[in-house]
N, C-alpha and C. Protein backbone atom coordinates (compact mmCIF):
# COMPACT_ATOMS: atom_id res chain seq x y z
N UNK A 1 17.13 -8.59 12.44
CA UNK A 1 15.83 -8.08 12.01
C UNK A 1 15.99 -6.88 11.08
N UNK A 2 16.92 -5.96 11.47
CA UNK A 2 17.15 -4.79 10.62
C UNK A 2 17.70 -5.19 9.27
N UNK A 3 18.64 -6.15 9.30
CA UNK A 3 19.21 -6.61 8.03
C UNK A 3 18.17 -7.23 7.14
N UNK A 4 17.21 -7.97 7.72
CA UNK A 4 16.14 -8.59 6.93
C UNK A 4 15.25 -7.53 6.31
N UNK A 5 14.93 -6.47 7.04
CA UNK A 5 14.10 -5.40 6.50
C UNK A 5 14.82 -4.66 5.38
N UNK A 6 16.13 -4.45 5.58
CA UNK A 6 16.90 -3.78 4.53
C UNK A 6 16.95 -4.61 3.26
N UNK A 7 17.06 -5.93 3.43
CA UNK A 7 17.05 -6.81 2.26
C UNK A 7 15.72 -6.72 1.52
N UNK A 8 14.62 -6.60 2.27
CA UNK A 8 13.31 -6.47 1.63
C UNK A 8 13.22 -5.18 0.83
N UNK A 9 13.77 -4.10 1.39
CA UNK A 9 13.79 -2.83 0.66
C UNK A 9 14.62 -2.95 -0.60
N UNK A 10 15.75 -3.62 -0.50
CA UNK A 10 16.61 -3.80 -1.66
C UNK A 10 15.90 -4.58 -2.76
N UNK A 11 15.14 -5.59 -2.39
CA UNK A 11 14.41 -6.37 -3.38
C UNK A 11 13.33 -5.53 -4.06
N UNK A 12 12.69 -4.65 -3.29
CA UNK A 12 11.68 -3.77 -3.88
C UNK A 12 12.32 -2.81 -4.88
N UNK A 13 13.48 -2.26 -4.50
CA UNK A 13 14.17 -1.34 -5.41
C UNK A 13 14.66 -2.04 -6.66
N UNK A 14 14.88 -3.34 -6.56
CA UNK A 14 15.34 -4.08 -7.73
C UNK A 14 14.33 -4.03 -8.87
N UNK A 15 13.07 -3.80 -8.53
CA UNK A 15 12.04 -3.67 -9.56
C UNK A 15 11.75 -2.24 -9.93
N UNK A 16 12.71 -1.33 -9.70
CA UNK A 16 12.48 0.09 -9.94
C UNK A 16 12.14 0.37 -11.39
N UNK A 17 12.87 -0.24 -12.32
CA UNK A 17 12.64 0.03 -13.74
C UNK A 17 11.24 -0.43 -14.15
N UNK A 18 10.80 -1.58 -13.60
CA UNK A 18 9.46 -2.09 -13.91
C UNK A 18 8.40 -1.14 -13.33
N UNK A 19 8.67 -0.64 -12.12
CA UNK A 19 7.72 0.28 -11.49
C UNK A 19 7.59 1.57 -12.27
N UNK A 20 8.73 2.10 -12.73
CA UNK A 20 8.70 3.34 -13.51
C UNK A 20 7.96 3.12 -14.83
N UNK A 21 8.24 1.99 -15.50
CA UNK A 21 7.54 1.69 -16.75
C UNK A 21 6.04 1.53 -16.51
N UNK A 22 5.68 0.90 -15.38
CA UNK A 22 4.26 0.75 -15.05
C UNK A 22 3.58 2.08 -14.80
N UNK A 23 4.30 3.01 -14.14
CA UNK A 23 3.74 4.34 -13.90
C UNK A 23 3.51 5.07 -15.21
N UNK A 24 4.48 4.99 -16.13
CA UNK A 24 4.34 5.65 -17.42
C UNK A 24 3.15 5.08 -18.19
N UNK A 25 2.98 3.75 -18.12
CA UNK A 25 1.87 3.11 -18.82
C UNK A 25 0.53 3.55 -18.22
N UNK A 26 0.48 3.63 -16.88
CA UNK A 26 -0.73 4.07 -16.21
C UNK A 26 -1.11 5.49 -16.63
N UNK A 27 -0.11 6.33 -16.85
CA UNK A 27 -0.35 7.72 -17.24
C UNK A 27 -0.61 7.87 -18.74
N UNK A 28 -0.63 6.75 -19.45
CA UNK A 28 -0.94 6.81 -20.88
C UNK A 28 0.27 6.89 -21.78
N UNK A 29 1.47 6.65 -21.25
CA UNK A 29 2.67 6.72 -22.08
C UNK A 29 2.89 5.35 -22.72
N UNK A 30 2.16 5.07 -23.81
CA UNK A 30 2.30 3.80 -24.49
C UNK A 30 3.49 3.84 -25.45
N UNK A 31 3.65 2.79 -26.23
CA UNK A 31 4.82 2.69 -27.11
C UNK A 31 4.85 3.83 -28.13
N UNK A 32 3.67 4.28 -28.56
CA UNK A 32 3.63 5.39 -29.53
C UNK A 32 4.24 6.65 -28.93
N UNK A 33 3.83 6.99 -27.71
CA UNK A 33 4.34 8.19 -27.07
C UNK A 33 5.82 8.05 -26.70
N UNK A 34 6.25 6.81 -26.39
CA UNK A 34 7.67 6.60 -26.10
C UNK A 34 8.50 6.90 -27.33
N UNK A 35 8.06 6.42 -28.50
CA UNK A 35 8.78 6.69 -29.73
C UNK A 35 8.79 8.19 -30.05
N UNK A 36 7.65 8.85 -29.77
CA UNK A 36 7.59 10.30 -29.96
C UNK A 36 8.59 11.01 -29.06
N UNK A 37 8.63 10.60 -27.80
CA UNK A 37 9.54 11.22 -26.84
C UNK A 37 10.99 10.99 -27.23
N UNK A 38 11.32 9.78 -27.65
CA UNK A 38 12.69 9.49 -28.05
C UNK A 38 13.06 10.23 -29.33
N UNK A 39 12.11 10.33 -30.26
CA UNK A 39 12.37 11.06 -31.50
C UNK A 39 12.63 12.54 -31.23
N UNK A 40 11.93 13.09 -30.23
CA UNK A 40 12.10 14.50 -29.87
C UNK A 40 13.18 14.72 -28.82
N UNK A 41 13.89 13.64 -28.49
CA UNK A 41 14.96 13.70 -27.48
C UNK A 41 14.44 14.31 -26.17
N UNK A 42 13.33 13.77 -25.69
CA UNK A 42 12.73 14.25 -24.44
C UNK A 42 13.61 13.81 -23.27
N UNK A 43 14.23 14.77 -22.60
CA UNK A 43 15.18 14.43 -21.54
C UNK A 43 14.56 13.70 -20.36
N UNK A 44 13.29 13.94 -19.97
CA UNK A 44 12.77 13.19 -18.81
C UNK A 44 12.77 11.68 -19.00
N UNK A 45 12.54 11.20 -20.23
CA UNK A 45 12.53 9.77 -20.46
C UNK A 45 13.90 9.17 -20.20
N UNK A 46 14.94 9.83 -20.70
CA UNK A 46 16.29 9.33 -20.50
C UNK A 46 16.70 9.42 -19.03
N UNK A 47 16.40 10.54 -18.38
CA UNK A 47 16.80 10.74 -16.99
C UNK A 47 16.06 9.77 -16.07
N UNK A 48 14.76 9.58 -16.30
CA UNK A 48 13.98 8.65 -15.47
C UNK A 48 14.53 7.22 -15.60
N UNK A 49 14.86 6.82 -16.82
CA UNK A 49 15.42 5.48 -17.03
C UNK A 49 16.78 5.35 -16.34
N UNK A 50 17.61 6.39 -16.44
CA UNK A 50 18.93 6.35 -15.81
C UNK A 50 18.80 6.27 -14.29
N UNK A 51 17.88 7.06 -13.71
CA UNK A 51 17.68 7.03 -12.26
C UNK A 51 17.17 5.67 -11.81
N UNK A 52 16.29 5.06 -12.59
CA UNK A 52 15.79 3.73 -12.24
C UNK A 52 16.91 2.70 -12.28
N UNK A 53 17.79 2.79 -13.28
CA UNK A 53 18.90 1.86 -13.38
C UNK A 53 19.85 2.03 -12.20
N UNK A 54 20.13 3.28 -11.82
CA UNK A 54 20.99 3.52 -10.66
C UNK A 54 20.36 2.95 -9.39
N UNK A 55 19.03 3.09 -9.24
CA UNK A 55 18.34 2.53 -8.08
C UNK A 55 18.48 1.02 -8.04
N UNK A 56 18.41 0.37 -9.21
CA UNK A 56 18.58 -1.08 -9.28
C UNK A 56 20.00 -1.48 -8.89
N UNK A 57 20.98 -0.73 -9.40
CA UNK A 57 22.38 -1.01 -9.06
C UNK A 57 22.59 -0.88 -7.55
N UNK A 58 22.01 0.14 -6.94
CA UNK A 58 22.13 0.33 -5.48
C UNK A 58 21.51 -0.84 -4.73
N UNK A 59 20.36 -1.32 -5.23
CA UNK A 59 19.70 -2.43 -4.54
C UNK A 59 20.53 -3.71 -4.64
N UNK A 60 21.11 -3.96 -5.82
CA UNK A 60 21.95 -5.15 -5.98
C UNK A 60 23.20 -5.05 -5.11
N UNK A 61 23.80 -3.86 -5.06
CA UNK A 61 24.98 -3.66 -4.21
C UNK A 61 24.63 -3.88 -2.75
N UNK A 62 23.43 -3.43 -2.31
CA UNK A 62 23.02 -3.61 -0.92
C UNK A 62 22.85 -5.09 -0.57
N UNK A 63 22.31 -5.86 -1.50
CA UNK A 63 22.11 -7.29 -1.27
C UNK A 63 23.43 -8.04 -1.16
N UNK A 64 24.49 -7.51 -1.78
CA UNK A 64 25.79 -8.19 -1.76
C UNK A 64 26.64 -7.82 -0.55
N UNK A 65 26.20 -6.82 0.21
CA UNK A 65 26.97 -6.42 1.40
C UNK A 65 26.74 -7.43 2.52
N UNK A 66 27.82 -7.81 3.17
CA UNK A 66 27.72 -8.78 4.27
C UNK A 66 26.97 -8.17 5.45
N UNK A 67 26.13 -8.96 6.13
CA UNK A 67 25.31 -8.44 7.24
C UNK A 67 26.07 -8.29 8.56
N UNK A 68 27.19 -7.60 8.54
CA UNK A 68 27.92 -7.28 9.76
C UNK A 68 27.44 -5.94 10.30
N UNK A 69 27.95 -5.53 11.47
CA UNK A 69 27.55 -4.24 12.02
C UNK A 69 27.92 -3.11 11.08
N UNK A 70 29.16 -3.15 10.58
CA UNK A 70 29.56 -2.13 9.62
C UNK A 70 28.83 -2.32 8.29
N UNK A 71 28.58 -3.57 7.96
CA UNK A 71 27.88 -3.84 6.71
C UNK A 71 26.47 -3.30 6.70
N UNK A 72 25.78 -3.37 7.86
CA UNK A 72 24.43 -2.82 7.96
C UNK A 72 24.43 -1.32 7.72
N UNK A 73 25.47 -0.64 8.24
CA UNK A 73 25.57 0.80 8.01
C UNK A 73 25.76 1.10 6.53
N UNK A 74 26.64 0.34 5.88
CA UNK A 74 26.86 0.53 4.44
C UNK A 74 25.58 0.22 3.65
N UNK A 75 24.91 -0.86 4.04
CA UNK A 75 23.69 -1.23 3.35
C UNK A 75 22.63 -0.15 3.50
N UNK A 76 22.54 0.42 4.70
CA UNK A 76 21.57 1.50 4.92
C UNK A 76 21.87 2.70 4.03
N UNK A 77 23.16 3.10 3.96
CA UNK A 77 23.54 4.24 3.12
C UNK A 77 23.26 4.01 1.66
N UNK A 78 23.60 2.80 1.19
CA UNK A 78 23.37 2.48 -0.22
C UNK A 78 21.88 2.46 -0.54
N UNK A 79 21.07 1.92 0.37
CA UNK A 79 19.63 1.87 0.14
C UNK A 79 18.99 3.25 0.18
N UNK A 80 19.48 4.12 1.08
CA UNK A 80 18.97 5.50 1.09
C UNK A 80 19.24 6.17 -0.25
N UNK A 81 20.45 5.95 -0.77
CA UNK A 81 20.77 6.50 -2.09
C UNK A 81 19.87 5.90 -3.16
N UNK A 82 19.61 4.60 -3.07
CA UNK A 82 18.73 3.95 -4.04
C UNK A 82 17.31 4.47 -3.97
N UNK A 83 16.81 4.71 -2.75
CA UNK A 83 15.46 5.25 -2.59
C UNK A 83 15.36 6.65 -3.20
N UNK A 84 16.42 7.46 -3.03
CA UNK A 84 16.43 8.81 -3.60
C UNK A 84 16.32 8.74 -5.12
N UNK A 85 17.13 7.86 -5.73
CA UNK A 85 17.07 7.73 -7.19
C UNK A 85 15.75 7.12 -7.64
N UNK A 86 15.19 6.22 -6.83
CA UNK A 86 13.92 5.61 -7.16
C UNK A 86 12.80 6.66 -7.18
N UNK A 87 12.74 7.50 -6.15
CA UNK A 87 11.72 8.54 -6.09
C UNK A 87 11.93 9.57 -7.19
N UNK A 88 13.20 9.86 -7.50
CA UNK A 88 13.49 10.81 -8.58
C UNK A 88 13.01 10.26 -9.92
N UNK A 89 13.24 8.96 -10.14
CA UNK A 89 12.82 8.37 -11.41
C UNK A 89 11.30 8.40 -11.56
N UNK A 90 10.57 8.15 -10.47
CA UNK A 90 9.11 8.21 -10.53
C UNK A 90 8.62 9.62 -10.83
N UNK A 91 9.23 10.61 -10.15
CA UNK A 91 8.82 12.00 -10.35
C UNK A 91 9.11 12.46 -11.77
N UNK A 92 10.29 12.14 -12.27
CA UNK A 92 10.67 12.57 -13.62
C UNK A 92 9.85 11.83 -14.66
N UNK A 93 9.48 10.57 -14.36
CA UNK A 93 8.64 9.81 -15.28
C UNK A 93 7.30 10.48 -15.48
N UNK A 94 6.75 11.07 -14.41
CA UNK A 94 5.49 11.79 -14.53
C UNK A 94 5.64 12.97 -15.49
N UNK A 95 6.76 13.70 -15.36
CA UNK A 95 7.02 14.84 -16.25
C UNK A 95 7.17 14.36 -17.69
N UNK A 96 7.92 13.27 -17.88
CA UNK A 96 8.11 12.74 -19.23
C UNK A 96 6.82 12.27 -19.87
N UNK A 97 5.99 11.61 -19.08
CA UNK A 97 4.71 11.14 -19.60
C UNK A 97 3.81 12.31 -20.00
N UNK A 98 3.82 13.35 -19.17
CA UNK A 98 3.00 14.52 -19.46
C UNK A 98 3.48 15.22 -20.73
N UNK A 99 4.79 15.34 -20.90
CA UNK A 99 5.33 16.01 -22.09
C UNK A 99 5.04 15.22 -23.35
N UNK A 100 5.30 13.92 -23.30
CA UNK A 100 5.12 13.10 -24.50
C UNK A 100 3.65 12.99 -24.89
N UNK A 101 2.78 12.85 -23.88
CA UNK A 101 1.36 12.70 -24.17
C UNK A 101 0.71 14.02 -24.56
N UNK A 102 1.31 15.12 -24.14
CA UNK A 102 0.71 16.43 -24.38
C UNK A 102 1.02 17.02 -25.73
N UNK A 103 1.99 16.47 -26.47
CA UNK A 103 2.36 17.05 -27.75
C UNK A 103 3.38 18.16 -27.59
N UNK A 104 3.80 18.72 -28.71
CA UNK A 104 4.87 19.72 -28.69
C UNK A 104 4.44 21.08 -29.23
N UNK A 105 3.18 21.24 -29.61
CA UNK A 105 2.71 22.53 -30.07
C UNK A 105 3.03 22.86 -31.51
N UNK A 106 3.68 21.95 -32.22
CA UNK A 106 4.02 22.23 -33.62
C UNK A 106 2.81 21.95 -34.52
N UNK A 107 2.48 22.86 -35.42
CA UNK A 107 1.35 22.63 -36.33
C UNK A 107 1.76 21.80 -37.54
N UNK A 108 0.78 21.16 -38.14
CA UNK A 108 0.97 20.44 -39.40
C UNK A 108 -0.14 20.85 -40.35
N UNK A 109 0.16 20.78 -41.64
CA UNK A 109 -0.80 21.12 -42.70
C UNK A 109 -1.03 19.87 -43.54
N UNK A 110 -2.26 19.44 -43.65
CA UNK A 110 -2.58 18.23 -44.41
C UNK A 110 -3.80 18.46 -45.29
N UNK A 111 -4.06 17.47 -46.15
CA UNK A 111 -5.27 17.43 -46.98
C UNK A 111 -5.42 18.71 -47.81
N UNK A 112 -4.34 19.11 -48.48
CA UNK A 112 -4.37 20.33 -49.31
C UNK A 112 -4.94 19.96 -50.69
N UNK A 113 -5.97 20.68 -51.11
CA UNK A 113 -6.55 20.40 -52.43
C UNK A 113 -7.37 21.59 -52.92
N UNK A 114 -7.53 21.65 -54.24
CA UNK A 114 -8.37 22.64 -54.89
C UNK A 114 -9.66 21.97 -55.32
N UNK A 115 -10.76 22.67 -55.14
CA UNK A 115 -12.06 22.12 -55.50
C UNK A 115 -12.85 23.14 -56.31
N UNK A 116 -13.75 22.65 -57.16
CA UNK A 116 -14.63 23.52 -57.91
C UNK A 116 -14.06 23.92 -59.26
N UNK A 117 -14.89 24.58 -60.07
CA UNK A 117 -14.44 25.03 -61.40
C UNK A 117 -13.44 26.17 -61.27
N UNK A 118 -12.75 26.47 -62.38
CA UNK A 118 -11.73 27.52 -62.38
C UNK A 118 -12.31 28.88 -62.00
N UNK A 119 -13.56 29.11 -62.37
CA UNK A 119 -14.17 30.40 -62.07
C UNK A 119 -14.56 30.53 -60.59
N UNK A 120 -14.68 29.42 -59.91
CA UNK A 120 -15.06 29.45 -58.50
C UNK A 120 -14.24 28.46 -57.68
N UNK A 121 -12.93 28.50 -57.87
CA UNK A 121 -12.06 27.55 -57.18
C UNK A 121 -12.01 27.83 -55.68
N UNK A 122 -12.02 26.76 -54.91
CA UNK A 122 -11.91 26.87 -53.47
C UNK A 122 -10.69 26.07 -52.99
N UNK A 123 -10.00 26.65 -52.03
CA UNK A 123 -8.83 26.00 -51.44
C UNK A 123 -9.21 25.36 -50.12
N UNK A 124 -8.88 24.08 -49.99
CA UNK A 124 -9.20 23.36 -48.76
C UNK A 124 -7.92 22.77 -48.18
N UNK A 125 -7.74 22.92 -46.87
CA UNK A 125 -6.62 22.26 -46.17
C UNK A 125 -6.96 22.18 -44.69
N UNK A 126 -6.23 21.32 -43.99
CA UNK A 126 -6.46 21.09 -42.56
C UNK A 126 -5.22 21.48 -41.78
N UNK A 127 -5.43 22.07 -40.62
CA UNK A 127 -4.34 22.45 -39.70
C UNK A 127 -4.56 21.72 -38.38
N UNK A 128 -3.50 21.09 -37.90
CA UNK A 128 -3.61 20.36 -36.64
C UNK A 128 -2.36 20.58 -35.79
N UNK A 129 -2.56 20.68 -34.48
CA UNK A 129 -1.44 20.82 -33.54
C UNK A 129 -1.87 20.31 -32.18
N UNK A 130 -0.99 19.58 -31.51
CA UNK A 130 -1.24 19.09 -30.16
C UNK A 130 -0.30 19.79 -29.18
N UNK A 131 -0.73 19.89 -27.93
CA UNK A 131 0.12 20.46 -26.90
C UNK A 131 0.32 21.96 -27.00
N UNK A 132 -0.63 22.67 -27.60
CA UNK A 132 -0.55 24.13 -27.68
C UNK A 132 -0.96 24.70 -26.33
N UNK A 133 -0.15 25.57 -25.79
CA UNK A 133 -0.46 26.15 -24.48
C UNK A 133 -1.76 26.96 -24.56
N UNK A 134 -2.50 26.97 -23.46
CA UNK A 134 -3.85 27.55 -23.47
C UNK A 134 -3.85 29.03 -23.80
N UNK A 135 -2.73 29.74 -23.52
CA UNK A 135 -2.68 31.17 -23.84
C UNK A 135 -2.04 31.44 -25.21
N UNK A 136 -1.64 30.37 -25.89
CA UNK A 136 -0.97 30.53 -27.18
C UNK A 136 -1.96 30.36 -28.33
N UNK A 137 -1.45 30.35 -29.55
CA UNK A 137 -2.30 30.21 -30.72
C UNK A 137 -1.46 29.78 -31.91
N UNK A 138 -2.15 29.43 -32.98
CA UNK A 138 -1.52 29.08 -34.25
C UNK A 138 -1.94 30.10 -35.29
N UNK A 139 -0.96 30.68 -35.96
CA UNK A 139 -1.24 31.65 -37.02
C UNK A 139 -1.16 30.95 -38.38
N UNK A 140 -2.21 31.12 -39.17
CA UNK A 140 -2.30 30.49 -40.49
C UNK A 140 -2.43 31.57 -41.54
N UNK A 141 -1.67 31.44 -42.62
CA UNK A 141 -1.74 32.43 -43.69
C UNK A 141 -1.63 31.75 -45.05
N UNK A 142 -2.30 32.35 -46.02
CA UNK A 142 -2.21 31.93 -47.42
C UNK A 142 -1.78 33.15 -48.21
N UNK A 143 -0.63 33.03 -48.90
CA UNK A 143 -0.04 34.20 -49.57
C UNK A 143 0.29 33.87 -51.02
N UNK A 144 0.10 34.84 -51.92
CA UNK A 144 0.50 34.63 -53.32
C UNK A 144 2.01 34.77 -53.46
N UNK A 145 2.57 34.00 -54.38
CA UNK A 145 4.00 34.08 -54.67
C UNK A 145 4.19 34.32 -56.17
N UNK A 146 4.93 35.33 -56.60
CA UNK A 146 5.60 36.30 -55.73
C UNK A 146 4.60 37.21 -55.01
N UNK A 147 5.00 37.74 -53.82
CA UNK A 147 4.07 38.57 -53.04
C UNK A 147 3.59 39.77 -53.84
N UNK A 148 2.32 40.06 -53.70
CA UNK A 148 1.75 41.23 -54.38
C UNK A 148 1.37 42.30 -53.39
N UNK A 149 0.86 43.40 -53.90
CA UNK A 149 0.48 44.52 -53.05
C UNK A 149 -0.76 44.20 -52.20
N UNK A 150 -1.51 43.18 -52.62
CA UNK A 150 -2.74 42.87 -51.90
C UNK A 150 -2.49 42.15 -50.57
N UNK A 151 -1.27 41.68 -50.34
CA UNK A 151 -0.95 41.00 -49.09
C UNK A 151 -1.46 39.57 -49.07
N UNK A 152 -1.75 39.09 -47.89
CA UNK A 152 -2.20 37.70 -47.73
C UNK A 152 -3.59 37.52 -48.32
N UNK A 153 -3.80 36.35 -48.92
CA UNK A 153 -5.13 35.99 -49.39
C UNK A 153 -6.01 35.55 -48.22
N UNK A 154 -5.36 35.03 -47.17
CA UNK A 154 -6.09 34.56 -46.00
C UNK A 154 -5.16 34.60 -44.81
N UNK A 155 -5.68 34.99 -43.65
CA UNK A 155 -4.90 34.99 -42.41
C UNK A 155 -5.85 34.78 -41.24
N UNK A 156 -5.47 33.91 -40.32
CA UNK A 156 -6.34 33.64 -39.18
C UNK A 156 -5.51 33.23 -37.97
N UNK A 157 -6.11 33.37 -36.81
CA UNK A 157 -5.53 32.94 -35.54
C UNK A 157 -6.40 31.83 -34.98
N UNK A 158 -5.81 30.66 -34.76
CA UNK A 158 -6.54 29.51 -34.25
C UNK A 158 -6.16 29.27 -32.80
N UNK A 159 -7.15 29.19 -31.92
CA UNK A 159 -6.92 28.96 -30.50
C UNK A 159 -7.14 27.49 -30.16
N UNK A 160 -6.38 26.96 -29.18
CA UNK A 160 -6.55 25.55 -28.81
C UNK A 160 -7.79 25.34 -27.94
N UNK A 161 -8.24 24.08 -27.89
CA UNK A 161 -9.34 23.75 -26.99
C UNK A 161 -8.79 23.48 -25.59
N UNK A 162 -9.63 22.95 -24.71
CA UNK A 162 -9.21 22.74 -23.33
C UNK A 162 -8.11 21.69 -23.21
N UNK A 163 -7.96 20.82 -24.21
CA UNK A 163 -6.91 19.81 -24.19
C UNK A 163 -5.64 20.28 -24.90
N UNK A 164 -5.61 21.55 -25.33
CA UNK A 164 -4.43 22.07 -26.02
C UNK A 164 -4.32 21.64 -27.46
N UNK A 165 -5.45 21.29 -28.08
CA UNK A 165 -5.45 20.81 -29.46
C UNK A 165 -6.06 21.84 -30.40
N UNK A 166 -5.41 22.03 -31.53
CA UNK A 166 -5.95 22.85 -32.61
C UNK A 166 -6.24 21.91 -33.79
N UNK A 167 -7.48 21.84 -34.20
CA UNK A 167 -7.88 21.00 -35.33
C UNK A 167 -8.90 21.79 -36.14
N UNK A 168 -8.46 22.31 -37.27
CA UNK A 168 -9.32 23.21 -38.05
C UNK A 168 -9.28 22.83 -39.53
N UNK A 169 -10.46 22.76 -40.14
CA UNK A 169 -10.58 22.57 -41.58
C UNK A 169 -10.79 23.95 -42.21
N UNK A 170 -9.88 24.33 -43.09
CA UNK A 170 -9.96 25.64 -43.76
C UNK A 170 -10.52 25.43 -45.16
N UNK A 171 -11.54 26.19 -45.50
CA UNK A 171 -12.17 26.12 -46.82
C UNK A 171 -12.48 27.54 -47.26
N UNK A 172 -11.69 28.07 -48.20
CA UNK A 172 -11.83 29.47 -48.61
C UNK A 172 -11.85 29.56 -50.14
N UNK A 173 -12.50 30.60 -50.68
CA UNK A 173 -12.42 30.84 -52.12
C UNK A 173 -11.01 31.30 -52.49
N UNK A 174 -10.51 30.80 -53.61
CA UNK A 174 -9.15 31.14 -54.03
C UNK A 174 -9.22 32.02 -55.28
N UNK A 175 -8.88 33.29 -55.12
CA UNK A 175 -8.84 34.24 -56.23
C UNK A 175 -7.52 35.00 -56.17
N UNK A 176 -6.41 34.36 -56.53
CA UNK A 176 -5.12 35.03 -56.45
C UNK A 176 -4.99 36.13 -57.49
N UNK A 177 -4.14 37.13 -57.23
CA UNK A 177 -3.91 38.21 -58.20
C UNK A 177 -3.33 37.66 -59.50
N UNK A 178 -3.49 38.44 -60.58
CA UNK A 178 -2.93 38.04 -61.87
C UNK A 178 -1.42 37.90 -61.75
N UNK A 179 -0.90 36.88 -62.39
CA UNK A 179 0.55 36.64 -62.35
C UNK A 179 1.00 35.75 -61.21
N UNK A 180 0.08 35.30 -60.39
CA UNK A 180 0.44 34.41 -59.28
C UNK A 180 0.67 33.01 -59.80
N UNK A 181 1.85 32.47 -59.54
CA UNK A 181 2.18 31.12 -59.99
C UNK A 181 2.16 30.10 -58.86
N UNK A 182 2.35 30.61 -57.63
CA UNK A 182 2.42 29.71 -56.47
C UNK A 182 1.63 30.33 -55.32
N UNK A 183 0.90 29.52 -54.60
CA UNK A 183 0.21 29.96 -53.39
C UNK A 183 0.89 29.26 -52.20
N UNK A 184 1.40 30.04 -51.27
CA UNK A 184 2.11 29.50 -50.11
C UNK A 184 1.19 29.46 -48.90
N UNK A 185 1.14 28.30 -48.25
CA UNK A 185 0.35 28.12 -47.03
C UNK A 185 1.32 27.89 -45.88
N UNK A 186 1.14 28.61 -44.80
CA UNK A 186 2.03 28.45 -43.64
C UNK A 186 1.21 28.45 -42.35
N UNK A 187 1.70 27.70 -41.38
CA UNK A 187 1.11 27.65 -40.04
C UNK A 187 2.25 27.66 -39.04
N UNK A 188 2.16 28.52 -38.06
CA UNK A 188 3.26 28.68 -37.11
C UNK A 188 2.71 28.96 -35.72
N UNK A 189 3.39 28.43 -34.72
CA UNK A 189 3.12 28.76 -33.33
C UNK A 189 4.11 29.85 -32.93
N UNK A 190 3.69 31.11 -32.88
CA UNK A 190 4.65 32.21 -32.67
C UNK A 190 5.35 32.16 -31.31
N UNK A 191 4.74 31.50 -30.32
CA UNK A 191 5.37 31.42 -29.01
C UNK A 191 6.43 30.33 -28.95
N UNK A 192 6.39 29.39 -29.91
CA UNK A 192 7.34 28.29 -29.90
C UNK A 192 8.30 28.33 -31.08
N UNK A 193 8.04 29.20 -32.06
CA UNK A 193 8.82 29.19 -33.29
C UNK A 193 10.20 29.80 -33.08
N UNK A 194 11.10 29.40 -33.95
CA UNK A 194 12.45 29.93 -33.97
C UNK A 194 12.70 30.56 -35.33
N UNK A 195 13.56 31.54 -35.34
CA UNK A 195 13.85 32.23 -36.60
C UNK A 195 14.45 31.26 -37.61
N UNK A 196 14.08 31.43 -38.86
CA UNK A 196 14.63 30.59 -39.91
C UNK A 196 13.59 30.26 -40.95
N UNK A 197 14.07 29.77 -42.09
CA UNK A 197 13.17 29.41 -43.18
C UNK A 197 12.47 28.09 -42.87
N UNK A 198 11.54 27.73 -43.75
CA UNK A 198 10.79 26.49 -43.55
C UNK A 198 11.70 25.27 -43.57
N UNK A 199 12.77 25.33 -44.35
CA UNK A 199 13.66 24.18 -44.49
C UNK A 199 14.72 24.12 -43.40
N UNK A 200 14.75 25.08 -42.49
CA UNK A 200 15.79 25.11 -41.47
C UNK A 200 15.64 23.93 -40.51
N UNK A 201 16.79 23.42 -40.05
CA UNK A 201 16.79 22.31 -39.10
C UNK A 201 16.53 22.84 -37.70
N UNK A 202 15.27 23.03 -37.37
CA UNK A 202 14.90 23.55 -36.07
C UNK A 202 13.70 22.77 -35.55
N UNK A 203 13.61 22.62 -34.24
CA UNK A 203 12.55 21.82 -33.64
C UNK A 203 11.21 22.53 -33.66
N UNK A 204 11.22 23.85 -33.72
CA UNK A 204 9.96 24.60 -33.61
C UNK A 204 9.73 25.50 -34.82
N UNK A 205 10.13 25.06 -35.98
CA UNK A 205 9.94 25.86 -37.17
C UNK A 205 8.51 25.82 -37.66
N UNK A 206 8.17 26.68 -38.61
CA UNK A 206 6.80 26.71 -39.14
C UNK A 206 6.54 25.54 -40.07
N UNK A 207 5.25 25.25 -40.28
CA UNK A 207 4.84 24.28 -41.28
C UNK A 207 4.49 25.05 -42.56
N UNK A 208 5.04 24.62 -43.67
CA UNK A 208 4.86 25.37 -44.92
C UNK A 208 4.46 24.40 -46.05
N UNK A 209 3.59 24.92 -46.90
CA UNK A 209 3.15 24.15 -48.07
C UNK A 209 3.00 25.11 -49.24
N UNK A 210 3.45 24.67 -50.42
CA UNK A 210 3.31 25.47 -51.64
C UNK A 210 2.39 24.75 -52.61
N UNK A 211 1.46 25.49 -53.14
CA UNK A 211 0.53 24.96 -54.13
C UNK A 211 0.81 25.66 -55.46
N UNK A 212 1.31 24.89 -56.42
CA UNK A 212 1.67 25.48 -57.73
C UNK A 212 0.44 25.51 -58.64
N UNK A 213 0.13 26.66 -59.15
CA UNK A 213 -1.04 26.83 -60.01
C UNK A 213 -0.65 26.59 -61.46
N UNK A 214 -1.45 25.79 -62.12
CA UNK A 214 -1.17 25.47 -63.51
C UNK A 214 -1.60 26.56 -64.47
């Protein structure tokens, strides 16, 4: 009877990878978020998959053990180990799903354009970021290049909503100082940023855009 129950547990653990994938799907971790997580080298996704595979290996090993008195003891030990890895994979999958679905807090700058006549030109651009922590913010600045004594043409602090999202359309008059050839737009999460230029190979660098004036 004990051996039969252990075999049933082993068969359940054999579907560990399917169960973990089902949990991730239930939590909203679809193929898009999986690709995002893999692109960002999100460790919970890899660890959860590895733990699920180990749980499956333990279940298969338990099924192959002969049902002798000593074999039942070995089967019990192997299944306990499989259950531990199975529960670990489920727990880590929750963390991975939350991280991938929540975003990484990095801002992006899109839809940059100039509008209106030369005498009344307006600069328009959009700033977006997902997964910004509720106590954090995104700093946005528009600066003339080369820098002048007047400082930034525009500077603002954008706070996330309750879902940790920053989505702001910026529309400002553009009157750069004489001699300005380039207007630089930057957006950075100061709590997540790392030192370095815009072109630096870093996961949390600023978003930068240059607008060349004709």
